[in-house]
N, C-alpha and C. Protein backbone atom coordinates (compact mmCIF):
# COMPACT_ATOMS: atom_id res chain seq x y z
N MET A 1 -21.29 18.50 -2.79
CA MET A 1 -20.22 18.58 -1.79
C MET A 1 -20.45 17.62 -0.62
N ARG A 2 -21.70 17.16 -0.45
CA ARG A 2 -21.98 16.30 0.69
C ARG A 2 -21.17 15.01 0.65
N PRO A 3 -21.09 14.29 -0.50
CA PRO A 3 -20.25 13.08 -0.52
C PRO A 3 -18.80 13.35 -0.16
N LEU A 4 -18.28 14.50 -0.57
CA LEU A 4 -16.89 14.83 -0.23
C LEU A 4 -16.72 15.04 1.26
N ARG A 5 -17.71 15.68 1.90
CA ARG A 5 -17.65 15.86 3.35
C ARG A 5 -17.74 14.52 4.07
N GLN A 6 -18.59 13.62 3.59
CA GLN A 6 -18.70 12.30 4.19
C GLN A 6 -17.40 11.52 4.02
N LEU A 7 -16.82 11.63 2.82
CA LEU A 7 -15.55 10.96 2.57
C LEU A 7 -14.46 11.50 3.49
N GLY A 8 -14.40 12.83 3.61
CA GLY A 8 -13.41 13.45 4.48
C GLY A 8 -13.61 13.09 5.94
N ALA A 9 -14.87 12.93 6.36
CA ALA A 9 -15.15 12.59 7.76
C ALA A 9 -14.62 11.20 8.10
N ILE A 10 -14.80 10.24 7.18
CA ILE A 10 -14.33 8.88 7.43
C ILE A 10 -12.80 8.85 7.46
N VAL A 11 -12.18 9.55 6.51
CA VAL A 11 -10.71 9.59 6.47
C VAL A 11 -10.17 10.24 7.74
N TRP A 12 -10.79 11.34 8.16
CA TRP A 12 -10.31 12.02 9.37
C TRP A 12 -10.51 11.15 10.60
N LYS A 13 -11.58 10.34 10.63
CA LYS A 13 -11.79 9.40 11.73
C LYS A 13 -10.62 8.42 11.81
N ASP A 14 -10.22 7.89 10.67
CA ASP A 14 -9.11 6.94 10.64
C ASP A 14 -7.81 7.61 11.08
N ILE A 15 -7.59 8.83 10.61
CA ILE A 15 -6.36 9.54 10.97
C ILE A 15 -6.34 9.84 12.47
N SER A 16 -7.46 10.29 13.00
CA SER A 16 -7.54 10.61 14.43
C SER A 16 -7.31 9.37 15.29
N ALA A 17 -7.91 8.25 14.89
CA ALA A 17 -7.72 7.01 15.65
C ALA A 17 -6.26 6.56 15.59
N GLU A 18 -5.63 6.72 14.44
CA GLU A 18 -4.23 6.31 14.32
C GLU A 18 -3.31 7.24 15.11
N LEU A 19 -3.63 8.52 15.16
CA LEU A 19 -2.82 9.46 15.94
C LEU A 19 -2.88 9.14 17.43
N ARG A 20 -4.01 8.59 17.87
CA ARG A 20 -4.14 8.24 19.29
C ARG A 20 -3.41 6.95 19.63
N THR A 21 -3.51 5.96 18.76
CA THR A 21 -2.96 4.64 19.09
C THR A 21 -1.61 4.36 18.44
N LYS A 22 -1.45 4.83 17.19
CA LYS A 22 -0.22 4.59 16.40
C LYS A 22 0.05 3.09 16.21
N GLU A 23 -0.98 2.27 16.26
CA GLU A 23 -0.81 0.83 16.10
C GLU A 23 -0.37 0.46 14.69
N MET A 24 -1.06 1.00 13.69
CA MET A 24 -0.76 0.65 12.31
C MET A 24 0.57 1.23 11.87
N PHE A 25 0.78 2.51 12.14
CA PHE A 25 2.00 3.17 11.68
C PHE A 25 3.24 2.56 12.31
N SER A 26 3.20 2.31 13.62
CA SER A 26 4.39 1.79 14.30
C SER A 26 4.76 0.41 13.78
N SER A 27 3.78 -0.46 13.57
CA SER A 27 4.09 -1.81 13.08
C SER A 27 4.64 -1.76 11.67
N MET A 28 4.07 -0.92 10.81
CA MET A 28 4.54 -0.82 9.43
C MET A 28 5.95 -0.24 9.37
N PHE A 29 6.20 0.82 10.12
CA PHE A 29 7.52 1.46 10.05
C PHE A 29 8.60 0.56 10.63
N VAL A 30 8.32 -0.08 11.75
CA VAL A 30 9.32 -0.97 12.35
C VAL A 30 9.66 -2.11 11.39
N PHE A 31 8.65 -2.66 10.71
CA PHE A 31 8.90 -3.74 9.76
C PHE A 31 9.78 -3.25 8.61
N VAL A 32 9.42 -2.10 8.02
CA VAL A 32 10.21 -1.57 6.91
C VAL A 32 11.64 -1.30 7.35
N PHE A 33 11.81 -0.68 8.50
CA PHE A 33 13.15 -0.35 8.98
C PHE A 33 13.99 -1.60 9.19
N LEU A 34 13.42 -2.60 9.85
CA LEU A 34 14.17 -3.83 10.10
C LEU A 34 14.48 -4.56 8.79
N ALA A 35 13.54 -4.57 7.86
CA ALA A 35 13.77 -5.24 6.58
C ALA A 35 14.91 -4.57 5.83
N ILE A 36 14.93 -3.24 5.80
CA ILE A 36 15.99 -2.52 5.09
C ILE A 36 17.35 -2.77 5.74
N VAL A 37 17.39 -2.73 7.07
CA VAL A 37 18.66 -2.96 7.77
C VAL A 37 19.18 -4.37 7.54
N VAL A 38 18.29 -5.36 7.66
CA VAL A 38 18.71 -6.75 7.47
C VAL A 38 19.19 -6.98 6.04
N PHE A 39 18.44 -6.49 5.05
CA PHE A 39 18.86 -6.66 3.66
C PHE A 39 20.17 -5.93 3.38
N ASN A 40 20.36 -4.79 4.01
CA ASN A 40 21.59 -4.03 3.79
C ASN A 40 22.81 -4.84 4.22
N PHE A 41 22.77 -5.39 5.43
CA PHE A 41 23.92 -6.16 5.91
C PHE A 41 24.07 -7.49 5.17
N ALA A 42 22.95 -8.09 4.76
CA ALA A 42 23.02 -9.36 4.06
C ALA A 42 23.66 -9.21 2.68
N PHE A 43 23.22 -8.21 1.91
CA PHE A 43 23.71 -8.05 0.55
C PHE A 43 25.05 -7.31 0.50
N GLU A 44 25.37 -6.57 1.54
CA GLU A 44 26.66 -5.87 1.55
C GLU A 44 27.82 -6.86 1.52
N LEU A 45 27.61 -8.03 2.11
CA LEU A 45 28.68 -9.02 2.19
C LEU A 45 28.69 -9.98 1.01
N ARG A 46 27.57 -10.10 0.27
CA ARG A 46 27.46 -11.15 -0.72
C ARG A 46 27.17 -10.66 -2.14
N VAL A 47 26.76 -9.43 -2.32
CA VAL A 47 26.39 -8.92 -3.64
C VAL A 47 27.34 -7.80 -4.02
N ASP A 48 27.93 -7.92 -5.21
CA ASP A 48 28.89 -6.91 -5.66
C ASP A 48 28.19 -5.63 -6.10
N ASN A 49 27.07 -5.78 -6.82
CA ASN A 49 26.35 -4.62 -7.33
C ASN A 49 24.98 -4.55 -6.65
N VAL A 50 24.92 -3.78 -5.58
CA VAL A 50 23.67 -3.67 -4.82
C VAL A 50 22.58 -3.02 -5.64
N ARG A 51 22.94 -2.18 -6.61
CA ARG A 51 21.96 -1.48 -7.45
C ARG A 51 21.03 -2.47 -8.16
N GLN A 52 21.54 -3.66 -8.48
CA GLN A 52 20.73 -4.64 -9.20
C GLN A 52 19.63 -5.24 -8.33
N VAL A 53 19.85 -5.36 -7.05
CA VAL A 53 18.86 -5.99 -6.17
C VAL A 53 18.07 -4.96 -5.35
N ALA A 54 18.48 -3.70 -5.37
CA ALA A 54 17.84 -2.68 -4.55
C ALA A 54 16.36 -2.49 -4.85
N PRO A 55 15.93 -2.44 -6.14
CA PRO A 55 14.49 -2.27 -6.40
C PRO A 55 13.63 -3.39 -5.80
N GLY A 56 14.11 -4.63 -5.91
CA GLY A 56 13.36 -5.74 -5.31
C GLY A 56 13.29 -5.65 -3.81
N ILE A 57 14.40 -5.28 -3.18
CA ILE A 57 14.42 -5.12 -1.72
C ILE A 57 13.42 -4.05 -1.29
N LEU A 58 13.44 -2.94 -2.01
CA LEU A 58 12.57 -1.81 -1.66
C LEU A 58 11.10 -2.21 -1.70
N TRP A 59 10.69 -2.87 -2.78
CA TRP A 59 9.27 -3.20 -2.93
C TRP A 59 8.86 -4.41 -2.10
N VAL A 60 9.79 -5.28 -1.77
CA VAL A 60 9.46 -6.35 -0.81
C VAL A 60 9.14 -5.73 0.55
N ALA A 61 9.97 -4.78 0.98
CA ALA A 61 9.73 -4.12 2.26
C ALA A 61 8.41 -3.35 2.25
N PHE A 62 8.15 -2.61 1.16
CA PHE A 62 6.91 -1.83 1.06
C PHE A 62 5.68 -2.73 1.05
N SER A 63 5.74 -3.82 0.28
CA SER A 63 4.55 -4.66 0.11
C SER A 63 4.20 -5.41 1.39
N PHE A 64 5.20 -5.97 2.08
CA PHE A 64 4.89 -6.71 3.30
C PHE A 64 4.48 -5.77 4.43
N ALA A 65 5.06 -4.59 4.48
CA ALA A 65 4.59 -3.62 5.46
C ALA A 65 3.17 -3.16 5.14
N GLY A 66 2.88 -3.04 3.85
CA GLY A 66 1.52 -2.67 3.44
C GLY A 66 0.50 -3.70 3.86
N VAL A 67 0.86 -4.99 3.79
CA VAL A 67 -0.06 -6.04 4.23
C VAL A 67 -0.36 -5.90 5.72
N LEU A 68 0.64 -5.55 6.52
CA LEU A 68 0.41 -5.34 7.95
C LEU A 68 -0.61 -4.22 8.17
N GLY A 69 -0.45 -3.12 7.43
CA GLY A 69 -1.37 -2.01 7.57
C GLY A 69 -2.77 -2.34 7.10
N LEU A 70 -2.87 -3.03 5.96
CA LEU A 70 -4.18 -3.40 5.42
C LEU A 70 -4.90 -4.36 6.35
N ASN A 71 -4.17 -5.27 6.95
CA ASN A 71 -4.78 -6.20 7.90
C ASN A 71 -5.40 -5.45 9.07
N ARG A 72 -4.69 -4.45 9.58
CA ARG A 72 -5.18 -3.71 10.74
C ARG A 72 -6.34 -2.78 10.38
N SER A 73 -6.45 -2.42 9.11
CA SER A 73 -7.44 -1.43 8.69
C SER A 73 -8.85 -1.81 9.07
N PHE A 74 -9.31 -2.98 8.65
CA PHE A 74 -10.68 -3.40 8.95
C PHE A 74 -10.78 -4.20 10.24
N ILE A 75 -9.67 -4.79 10.68
CA ILE A 75 -9.70 -5.51 11.95
C ILE A 75 -10.03 -4.56 13.10
N LEU A 76 -9.41 -3.38 13.09
CA LEU A 76 -9.69 -2.40 14.14
C LEU A 76 -11.15 -1.95 14.09
N GLU A 77 -11.68 -1.75 12.88
CA GLU A 77 -13.08 -1.35 12.75
C GLU A 77 -14.00 -2.45 13.29
N LYS A 78 -13.65 -3.70 12.97
CA LYS A 78 -14.48 -4.83 13.42
C LYS A 78 -14.41 -5.00 14.93
N ASP A 79 -13.22 -4.94 15.50
CA ASP A 79 -13.06 -5.17 16.93
C ASP A 79 -13.70 -4.07 17.76
N ARG A 80 -13.70 -2.85 17.25
CA ARG A 80 -14.29 -1.73 17.99
C ARG A 80 -15.78 -1.58 17.72
N GLY A 81 -16.33 -2.40 16.85
CA GLY A 81 -17.75 -2.32 16.53
C GLY A 81 -18.11 -1.15 15.63
N CYS A 82 -17.11 -0.58 14.96
CA CYS A 82 -17.37 0.59 14.11
C CYS A 82 -17.80 0.20 12.70
N LEU A 83 -17.43 -1.01 12.25
CA LEU A 83 -17.71 -1.39 10.88
C LEU A 83 -19.22 -1.46 10.63
N GLU A 84 -19.95 -2.04 11.57
CA GLU A 84 -21.41 -2.10 11.40
C GLU A 84 -22.02 -0.71 11.34
N GLY A 85 -21.49 0.20 12.16
CA GLY A 85 -22.00 1.57 12.13
C GLY A 85 -21.75 2.25 10.81
N LEU A 86 -20.57 2.03 10.23
CA LEU A 86 -20.27 2.61 8.92
C LEU A 86 -21.20 2.07 7.85
N LEU A 87 -21.44 0.76 7.88
CA LEU A 87 -22.27 0.14 6.85
C LEU A 87 -23.75 0.51 7.01
N LEU A 88 -24.18 0.81 8.25
CA LEU A 88 -25.58 1.19 8.49
C LEU A 88 -25.82 2.68 8.33
N SER A 89 -24.78 3.47 8.23
CA SER A 89 -24.94 4.92 8.11
C SER A 89 -25.53 5.27 6.74
N PRO A 90 -26.27 6.37 6.66
CA PRO A 90 -26.95 6.75 5.41
C PRO A 90 -26.00 7.37 4.38
N LEU A 91 -25.09 6.57 3.87
CA LEU A 91 -24.19 7.03 2.82
C LEU A 91 -23.89 5.87 1.89
N ASP A 92 -23.46 6.22 0.70
CA ASP A 92 -23.11 5.21 -0.30
C ASP A 92 -21.93 4.39 0.21
N ARG A 93 -22.04 3.06 0.14
CA ARG A 93 -20.97 2.21 0.65
C ARG A 93 -19.69 2.37 -0.16
N SER A 94 -19.81 2.82 -1.39
CA SER A 94 -18.60 3.07 -2.17
C SER A 94 -17.75 4.16 -1.54
N LEU A 95 -18.40 5.09 -0.82
CA LEU A 95 -17.63 6.12 -0.12
C LEU A 95 -16.80 5.51 1.01
N VAL A 96 -17.34 4.48 1.65
CA VAL A 96 -16.57 3.79 2.69
C VAL A 96 -15.32 3.16 2.07
N TYR A 97 -15.50 2.54 0.90
CA TYR A 97 -14.34 1.92 0.23
C TYR A 97 -13.30 2.96 -0.13
N PHE A 98 -13.71 4.04 -0.78
CA PHE A 98 -12.74 5.04 -1.20
C PHE A 98 -12.09 5.73 0.00
N ALA A 99 -12.84 5.91 1.08
CA ALA A 99 -12.26 6.52 2.28
C ALA A 99 -11.20 5.61 2.88
N LYS A 100 -11.47 4.31 2.94
CA LYS A 100 -10.48 3.37 3.47
C LYS A 100 -9.26 3.27 2.55
N VAL A 101 -9.49 3.36 1.23
CA VAL A 101 -8.35 3.36 0.30
C VAL A 101 -7.48 4.59 0.55
N LEU A 102 -8.10 5.75 0.70
CA LEU A 102 -7.33 6.97 0.95
C LEU A 102 -6.58 6.89 2.27
N SER A 103 -7.23 6.35 3.30
CA SER A 103 -6.56 6.22 4.60
C SER A 103 -5.36 5.28 4.50
N ASN A 104 -5.57 4.12 3.89
CA ASN A 104 -4.48 3.16 3.75
C ASN A 104 -3.36 3.71 2.87
N LEU A 105 -3.75 4.41 1.80
CA LEU A 105 -2.75 5.02 0.93
C LEU A 105 -1.94 6.06 1.68
N LEU A 106 -2.60 6.87 2.49
CA LEU A 106 -1.91 7.90 3.25
C LEU A 106 -0.92 7.30 4.24
N PHE A 107 -1.36 6.29 4.98
CA PHE A 107 -0.47 5.66 5.97
C PHE A 107 0.73 5.00 5.29
N MET A 108 0.49 4.32 4.17
CA MET A 108 1.59 3.67 3.46
C MET A 108 2.56 4.68 2.89
N LEU A 109 2.05 5.79 2.35
CA LEU A 109 2.93 6.81 1.78
C LEU A 109 3.78 7.48 2.85
N VAL A 110 3.21 7.70 4.03
CA VAL A 110 3.98 8.30 5.12
C VAL A 110 5.13 7.37 5.52
N VAL A 111 4.83 6.09 5.66
CA VAL A 111 5.87 5.12 6.01
C VAL A 111 6.93 5.06 4.92
N GLU A 112 6.52 5.05 3.66
CA GLU A 112 7.46 5.00 2.55
C GLU A 112 8.31 6.26 2.46
N ALA A 113 7.68 7.41 2.75
CA ALA A 113 8.44 8.66 2.73
C ALA A 113 9.52 8.68 3.81
N LEU A 114 9.25 8.06 4.95
CA LEU A 114 10.26 7.98 6.00
C LEU A 114 11.31 6.90 5.69
N ALA A 115 10.89 5.87 4.97
CA ALA A 115 11.81 4.76 4.69
C ALA A 115 12.79 5.09 3.56
N LEU A 116 12.37 5.89 2.59
CA LEU A 116 13.24 6.17 1.45
C LEU A 116 14.56 6.85 1.85
N PRO A 117 14.55 7.86 2.73
CA PRO A 117 15.85 8.42 3.15
C PRO A 117 16.74 7.40 3.86
N ILE A 118 16.15 6.52 4.65
CA ILE A 118 16.95 5.48 5.32
C ILE A 118 17.55 4.55 4.28
N PHE A 119 16.73 4.16 3.30
CA PHE A 119 17.21 3.28 2.23
C PHE A 119 18.32 3.97 1.43
N THR A 120 18.14 5.25 1.16
CA THR A 120 19.14 6.02 0.42
C THR A 120 20.46 6.06 1.17
N ALA A 121 20.39 6.28 2.48
CA ALA A 121 21.62 6.38 3.27
C ALA A 121 22.35 5.05 3.38
N LEU A 122 21.61 3.96 3.59
CA LEU A 122 22.24 2.66 3.79
C LEU A 122 22.76 2.06 2.49
N PHE A 123 22.03 2.24 1.40
CA PHE A 123 22.43 1.62 0.13
C PHE A 123 23.16 2.58 -0.80
N ASN A 124 23.23 3.86 -0.39
CA ASN A 124 23.95 4.86 -1.18
C ASN A 124 23.42 4.93 -2.61
N LEU A 125 22.10 5.06 -2.74
CA LEU A 125 21.45 5.13 -4.05
C LEU A 125 20.58 6.39 -4.11
N PRO A 126 20.44 7.00 -5.30
CA PRO A 126 19.66 8.24 -5.44
C PRO A 126 18.17 7.95 -5.56
N LEU A 127 17.50 7.79 -4.45
CA LEU A 127 16.07 7.45 -4.46
C LEU A 127 15.17 8.64 -4.19
N LEU A 128 15.72 9.74 -3.71
CA LEU A 128 14.90 10.90 -3.40
C LEU A 128 14.76 11.77 -4.65
N ARG A 129 13.82 11.38 -5.53
CA ARG A 129 13.64 12.06 -6.81
C ARG A 129 12.16 12.00 -7.18
N LEU A 130 11.72 12.98 -7.99
CA LEU A 130 10.29 13.11 -8.29
C LEU A 130 9.77 11.96 -9.15
N ASP A 131 10.55 11.52 -10.14
CA ASP A 131 10.06 10.44 -11.01
C ASP A 131 9.87 9.14 -10.23
N LEU A 132 10.76 8.88 -9.30
CA LEU A 132 10.58 7.70 -8.46
C LEU A 132 9.40 7.88 -7.51
N GLY A 133 9.16 9.11 -7.07
CA GLY A 133 7.99 9.38 -6.24
C GLY A 133 6.70 9.06 -6.96
N LEU A 134 6.65 9.35 -8.28
CA LEU A 134 5.46 9.02 -9.07
C LEU A 134 5.27 7.51 -9.14
N VAL A 135 6.35 6.77 -9.32
CA VAL A 135 6.27 5.31 -9.37
C VAL A 135 5.78 4.77 -8.03
N VAL A 136 6.31 5.27 -6.95
CA VAL A 136 5.90 4.83 -5.61
C VAL A 136 4.41 5.13 -5.39
N LEU A 137 3.97 6.30 -5.82
CA LEU A 137 2.56 6.68 -5.65
C LEU A 137 1.64 5.75 -6.42
N LEU A 138 1.94 5.50 -7.70
CA LEU A 138 1.09 4.64 -8.51
C LEU A 138 1.12 3.20 -8.02
N GLY A 139 2.31 2.72 -7.65
CA GLY A 139 2.40 1.35 -7.14
C GLY A 139 1.66 1.18 -5.83
N THR A 140 1.79 2.15 -4.95
CA THR A 140 1.10 2.07 -3.65
C THR A 140 -0.40 2.20 -3.82
N LEU A 141 -0.85 3.03 -4.77
CA LEU A 141 -2.28 3.18 -5.02
C LEU A 141 -2.90 1.87 -5.48
N GLY A 142 -2.26 1.18 -6.42
CA GLY A 142 -2.78 -0.10 -6.86
C GLY A 142 -2.80 -1.13 -5.75
N PHE A 143 -1.74 -1.15 -4.96
CA PHE A 143 -1.64 -2.10 -3.84
C PHE A 143 -2.72 -1.83 -2.81
N ALA A 144 -2.90 -0.55 -2.45
CA ALA A 144 -3.90 -0.20 -1.44
C ALA A 144 -5.32 -0.39 -1.96
N GLY A 145 -5.56 -0.12 -3.24
CA GLY A 145 -6.90 -0.27 -3.80
C GLY A 145 -7.39 -1.71 -3.76
N VAL A 146 -6.55 -2.64 -4.21
CA VAL A 146 -6.92 -4.05 -4.19
C VAL A 146 -6.89 -4.58 -2.75
N GLY A 147 -5.89 -4.18 -1.97
CA GLY A 147 -5.75 -4.68 -0.61
C GLY A 147 -6.91 -4.28 0.29
N THR A 148 -7.45 -3.10 0.08
CA THR A 148 -8.60 -2.66 0.89
C THR A 148 -9.80 -3.54 0.64
N LEU A 149 -10.04 -3.90 -0.62
CA LEU A 149 -11.17 -4.78 -0.94
C LEU A 149 -10.99 -6.15 -0.28
N PHE A 150 -9.81 -6.74 -0.40
CA PHE A 150 -9.57 -8.06 0.18
C PHE A 150 -9.56 -8.00 1.71
N SER A 151 -9.11 -6.89 2.27
CA SER A 151 -9.13 -6.75 3.72
C SER A 151 -10.57 -6.76 4.24
N ALA A 152 -11.47 -6.08 3.53
CA ALA A 152 -12.88 -6.11 3.91
C ALA A 152 -13.48 -7.50 3.71
N MET A 153 -12.96 -8.24 2.73
CA MET A 153 -13.48 -9.56 2.42
C MET A 153 -13.13 -10.58 3.50
N VAL A 154 -11.92 -10.50 4.06
CA VAL A 154 -11.45 -11.54 4.98
C VAL A 154 -11.61 -11.15 6.44
N VAL A 155 -12.14 -9.96 6.73
CA VAL A 155 -12.17 -9.48 8.11
C VAL A 155 -13.03 -10.37 9.00
N ASN A 156 -14.02 -11.05 8.44
CA ASN A 156 -14.90 -11.90 9.24
C ASN A 156 -14.45 -13.35 9.30
N THR A 157 -13.29 -13.65 8.74
CA THR A 157 -12.77 -15.03 8.78
C THR A 157 -11.81 -15.20 9.95
N ARG A 158 -11.60 -16.43 10.36
CA ARG A 158 -10.71 -16.69 11.49
C ARG A 158 -9.25 -16.52 11.11
N ALA A 159 -8.89 -16.93 9.90
CA ALA A 159 -7.49 -16.87 9.46
C ALA A 159 -7.24 -15.62 8.63
N ARG A 160 -7.76 -14.49 9.06
CA ARG A 160 -7.69 -13.28 8.24
C ARG A 160 -6.26 -12.79 8.05
N GLU A 161 -5.40 -12.93 9.07
CA GLU A 161 -4.01 -12.47 8.93
C GLU A 161 -3.25 -13.27 7.88
N VAL A 162 -3.59 -14.56 7.76
CA VAL A 162 -2.92 -15.42 6.79
C VAL A 162 -3.59 -15.34 5.42
N LEU A 163 -4.91 -15.22 5.42
CA LEU A 163 -5.66 -15.27 4.18
C LEU A 163 -5.44 -14.03 3.32
N LEU A 164 -5.26 -12.88 3.93
CA LEU A 164 -5.11 -11.65 3.15
C LEU A 164 -3.91 -11.70 2.20
N PRO A 165 -2.69 -11.98 2.66
CA PRO A 165 -1.58 -12.04 1.70
C PRO A 165 -1.73 -13.14 0.67
N VAL A 166 -2.36 -14.27 1.05
CA VAL A 166 -2.56 -15.36 0.09
C VAL A 166 -3.45 -14.92 -1.06
N LEU A 167 -4.49 -14.15 -0.76
CA LEU A 167 -5.38 -13.64 -1.80
C LEU A 167 -4.79 -12.44 -2.53
N LEU A 168 -4.07 -11.60 -1.81
CA LEU A 168 -3.65 -10.31 -2.35
C LEU A 168 -2.49 -10.42 -3.32
N PHE A 169 -1.44 -11.13 -2.96
CA PHE A 169 -0.21 -11.09 -3.75
C PHE A 169 -0.36 -11.64 -5.17
N PRO A 170 -1.14 -12.70 -5.40
CA PRO A 170 -1.31 -13.11 -6.80
C PRO A 170 -1.97 -12.05 -7.67
N ILE A 171 -2.85 -11.23 -7.08
CA ILE A 171 -3.55 -10.21 -7.86
C ILE A 171 -2.66 -9.00 -8.11
N VAL A 172 -1.87 -8.60 -7.13
CA VAL A 172 -1.06 -7.39 -7.27
C VAL A 172 0.32 -7.68 -7.84
N THR A 173 0.56 -8.89 -8.31
CA THR A 173 1.85 -9.20 -8.93
C THR A 173 2.20 -8.26 -10.07
N PRO A 174 1.25 -7.91 -10.98
CA PRO A 174 1.60 -6.94 -12.04
C PRO A 174 2.06 -5.59 -11.49
N VAL A 175 1.45 -5.15 -10.38
CA VAL A 175 1.86 -3.88 -9.77
C VAL A 175 3.29 -3.97 -9.26
N LEU A 176 3.61 -5.04 -8.57
CA LEU A 176 4.95 -5.20 -8.01
C LEU A 176 5.99 -5.35 -9.12
N ILE A 177 5.68 -6.11 -10.16
CA ILE A 177 6.64 -6.29 -11.26
C ILE A 177 6.89 -4.96 -11.97
N ALA A 178 5.81 -4.24 -12.29
CA ALA A 178 5.97 -2.96 -12.97
C ALA A 178 6.72 -1.96 -12.10
N SER A 179 6.42 -1.94 -10.80
CA SER A 179 7.09 -1.00 -9.91
C SER A 179 8.58 -1.31 -9.79
N VAL A 180 8.92 -2.60 -9.68
CA VAL A 180 10.33 -2.99 -9.60
C VAL A 180 11.06 -2.66 -10.90
N LYS A 181 10.44 -2.92 -12.04
CA LYS A 181 11.06 -2.62 -13.33
C LYS A 181 11.29 -1.11 -13.49
N LEU A 182 10.29 -0.32 -13.13
CA LEU A 182 10.42 1.13 -13.24
C LEU A 182 11.49 1.66 -12.29
N THR A 183 11.49 1.16 -11.06
CA THR A 183 12.50 1.61 -10.09
C THR A 183 13.90 1.24 -10.55
N GLY A 184 14.06 0.02 -11.03
CA GLY A 184 15.36 -0.41 -11.52
C GLY A 184 15.81 0.39 -12.73
N GLY A 185 14.89 0.68 -13.64
CA GLY A 185 15.24 1.49 -14.81
C GLY A 185 15.66 2.89 -14.44
N LEU A 186 14.97 3.50 -13.48
CA LEU A 186 15.34 4.85 -13.05
C LEU A 186 16.72 4.86 -12.40
N LEU A 187 17.01 3.83 -11.62
CA LEU A 187 18.34 3.75 -10.99
C LEU A 187 19.43 3.52 -12.03
N ASP A 188 19.08 2.90 -13.15
CA ASP A 188 20.05 2.67 -14.22
C ASP A 188 20.19 3.86 -15.17
N GLY A 189 19.45 4.92 -14.92
CA GLY A 189 19.57 6.13 -15.72
C GLY A 189 18.55 6.28 -16.83
N GLU A 190 17.59 5.38 -16.94
CA GLU A 190 16.55 5.51 -17.95
C GLU A 190 15.49 6.51 -17.50
N SER A 191 14.75 7.01 -18.47
CA SER A 191 13.67 7.95 -18.18
C SER A 191 12.34 7.22 -18.16
N LEU A 192 11.33 7.85 -17.57
CA LEU A 192 10.01 7.24 -17.54
C LEU A 192 9.43 7.09 -18.95
N SER A 193 9.73 8.02 -19.82
CA SER A 193 9.22 7.93 -21.19
C SER A 193 9.79 6.71 -21.90
N ALA A 194 11.02 6.36 -21.60
CA ALA A 194 11.63 5.17 -22.22
C ALA A 194 11.02 3.88 -21.69
N MET A 195 10.39 3.95 -20.54
CA MET A 195 9.75 2.77 -19.94
C MET A 195 8.24 2.97 -19.91
N GLY A 196 7.72 3.59 -20.94
CA GLY A 196 6.30 3.92 -20.96
C GLY A 196 5.38 2.73 -20.87
N HIS A 197 5.80 1.57 -21.40
CA HIS A 197 4.93 0.40 -21.35
C HIS A 197 4.70 -0.07 -19.92
N TRP A 198 5.73 0.00 -19.08
CA TRP A 198 5.56 -0.37 -17.67
C TRP A 198 4.71 0.65 -16.94
N LEU A 199 4.90 1.93 -17.27
CA LEU A 199 4.11 2.98 -16.63
C LEU A 199 2.64 2.87 -17.03
N ARG A 200 2.38 2.56 -18.30
CA ARG A 200 1.00 2.38 -18.75
C ARG A 200 0.36 1.16 -18.09
N LEU A 201 1.14 0.09 -17.91
CA LEU A 201 0.63 -1.09 -17.22
C LEU A 201 0.23 -0.75 -15.79
N LEU A 202 1.06 0.02 -15.12
CA LEU A 202 0.78 0.40 -13.74
C LEU A 202 -0.47 1.28 -13.66
N GLY A 203 -0.57 2.26 -14.55
CA GLY A 203 -1.74 3.13 -14.55
C GLY A 203 -3.02 2.39 -14.92
N ALA A 204 -2.94 1.47 -15.91
CA ALA A 204 -4.12 0.71 -16.30
C ALA A 204 -4.59 -0.21 -15.18
N PHE A 205 -3.65 -0.86 -14.50
CA PHE A 205 -4.01 -1.72 -13.37
C PHE A 205 -4.73 -0.91 -12.30
N ASP A 206 -4.20 0.24 -11.94
CA ASP A 206 -4.82 1.07 -10.92
C ASP A 206 -6.25 1.43 -11.31
N ALA A 207 -6.45 1.89 -12.55
CA ALA A 207 -7.77 2.32 -12.99
C ALA A 207 -8.76 1.16 -13.03
N ILE A 208 -8.33 0.02 -13.59
CA ILE A 208 -9.24 -1.12 -13.74
C ILE A 208 -9.63 -1.69 -12.39
N PHE A 209 -8.67 -1.92 -11.52
CA PHE A 209 -8.99 -2.60 -10.27
C PHE A 209 -9.65 -1.66 -9.26
N LEU A 210 -9.40 -0.38 -9.34
CA LEU A 210 -10.16 0.54 -8.50
C LEU A 210 -11.63 0.54 -8.92
N ALA A 211 -11.88 0.49 -10.25
CA ALA A 211 -13.26 0.44 -10.74
C ALA A 211 -13.94 -0.87 -10.35
N VAL A 212 -13.23 -1.99 -10.50
CA VAL A 212 -13.80 -3.29 -10.13
C VAL A 212 -14.07 -3.37 -8.63
N SER A 213 -13.14 -2.87 -7.84
CA SER A 213 -13.32 -2.88 -6.38
C SER A 213 -14.50 -2.00 -5.98
N TYR A 214 -14.64 -0.86 -6.64
CA TYR A 214 -15.77 0.04 -6.37
C TYR A 214 -17.10 -0.65 -6.64
N MET A 215 -17.16 -1.42 -7.74
CA MET A 215 -18.42 -2.06 -8.13
C MET A 215 -18.74 -3.29 -7.27
N THR A 216 -17.72 -3.90 -6.66
CA THR A 216 -17.96 -5.14 -5.91
C THR A 216 -17.92 -4.96 -4.39
N PHE A 217 -17.52 -3.80 -3.92
CA PHE A 217 -17.36 -3.60 -2.48
C PHE A 217 -18.69 -3.80 -1.75
N ASP A 218 -19.78 -3.33 -2.34
CA ASP A 218 -21.09 -3.45 -1.69
C ASP A 218 -21.45 -4.91 -1.44
N TYR A 219 -21.12 -5.78 -2.38
CA TYR A 219 -21.42 -7.20 -2.22
C TYR A 219 -20.46 -7.87 -1.24
N VAL A 220 -19.22 -7.40 -1.20
CA VAL A 220 -18.22 -8.00 -0.32
C VAL A 220 -18.57 -7.80 1.15
N VAL A 221 -19.08 -6.62 1.50
CA VAL A 221 -19.32 -6.31 2.91
C VAL A 221 -20.69 -6.74 3.39
N GLU A 222 -21.53 -7.25 2.50
CA GLU A 222 -22.85 -7.72 2.92
C GLU A 222 -22.70 -9.00 3.74
N GLU A 223 -23.48 -9.10 4.79
CA GLU A 223 -23.46 -10.30 5.65
C GLU A 223 -24.11 -11.47 4.90
C-alpha cells in the first residue's frame, strides 16, 4: 500500500496547487471554449453538414488545450524548485511519472467534461453519451501518457513551449486519428463493436506507450 499512498500524495499535491492558482485549468478551458466558439461561427456559414467536421474540431480543441496543460505540468515544478525534490525523494521514479500522468489526465478530463456540453449546445450534436465518454477517456489517456514523458524531457530546454508540440504530435497521431474516426462513427450511428479495429488501435497504443514511457522516464529525468 505504500506505493499507492506515495502516488496519491503526489497527485493530491498537484491538485492542491492547481486549486490555489488555477493556472493550468483556466488556460486550458479558455482555449477550448474560444476554439469551439470560433469553429462554430466559421463552419456555420461555410459548411452544410457540420456533423462531418465536428469530430476533427473537437479533437483539435482537446489536443491543443492538452499541450497547454502538459507544458505547465513540469514547468511549474521546475520553476518552484519542486522537481529536484521529487526526484531526490526516496521513491521509485516511475511513481512520479504515473502520478503526473494521473494529474494531467484528471485536469484534461475535467476540461473536456465542461467543454462537451458547450460543444453539444453550439453544434446541436449528441455528444453526451457513455460510448463517446469511453473514446474520450482512452484518447486522453494516450495523449497524456506520451505528453507527460515529453514534457519532462523538454522542461530543461529554452524552447520548451515550442519543442513539446513538435515532438508530441507526430507520436500521438495514431491516437488522434483513431479518436476522430471513433467519434465520427458514433455520430453517424455506428456502434463501438462495428469499429473495433479503431478501438483496439487506441487501446494498444495506450498500453504500449505507457509501458515504454514507464521504462524510459528514469533516463529522461536524469541530469
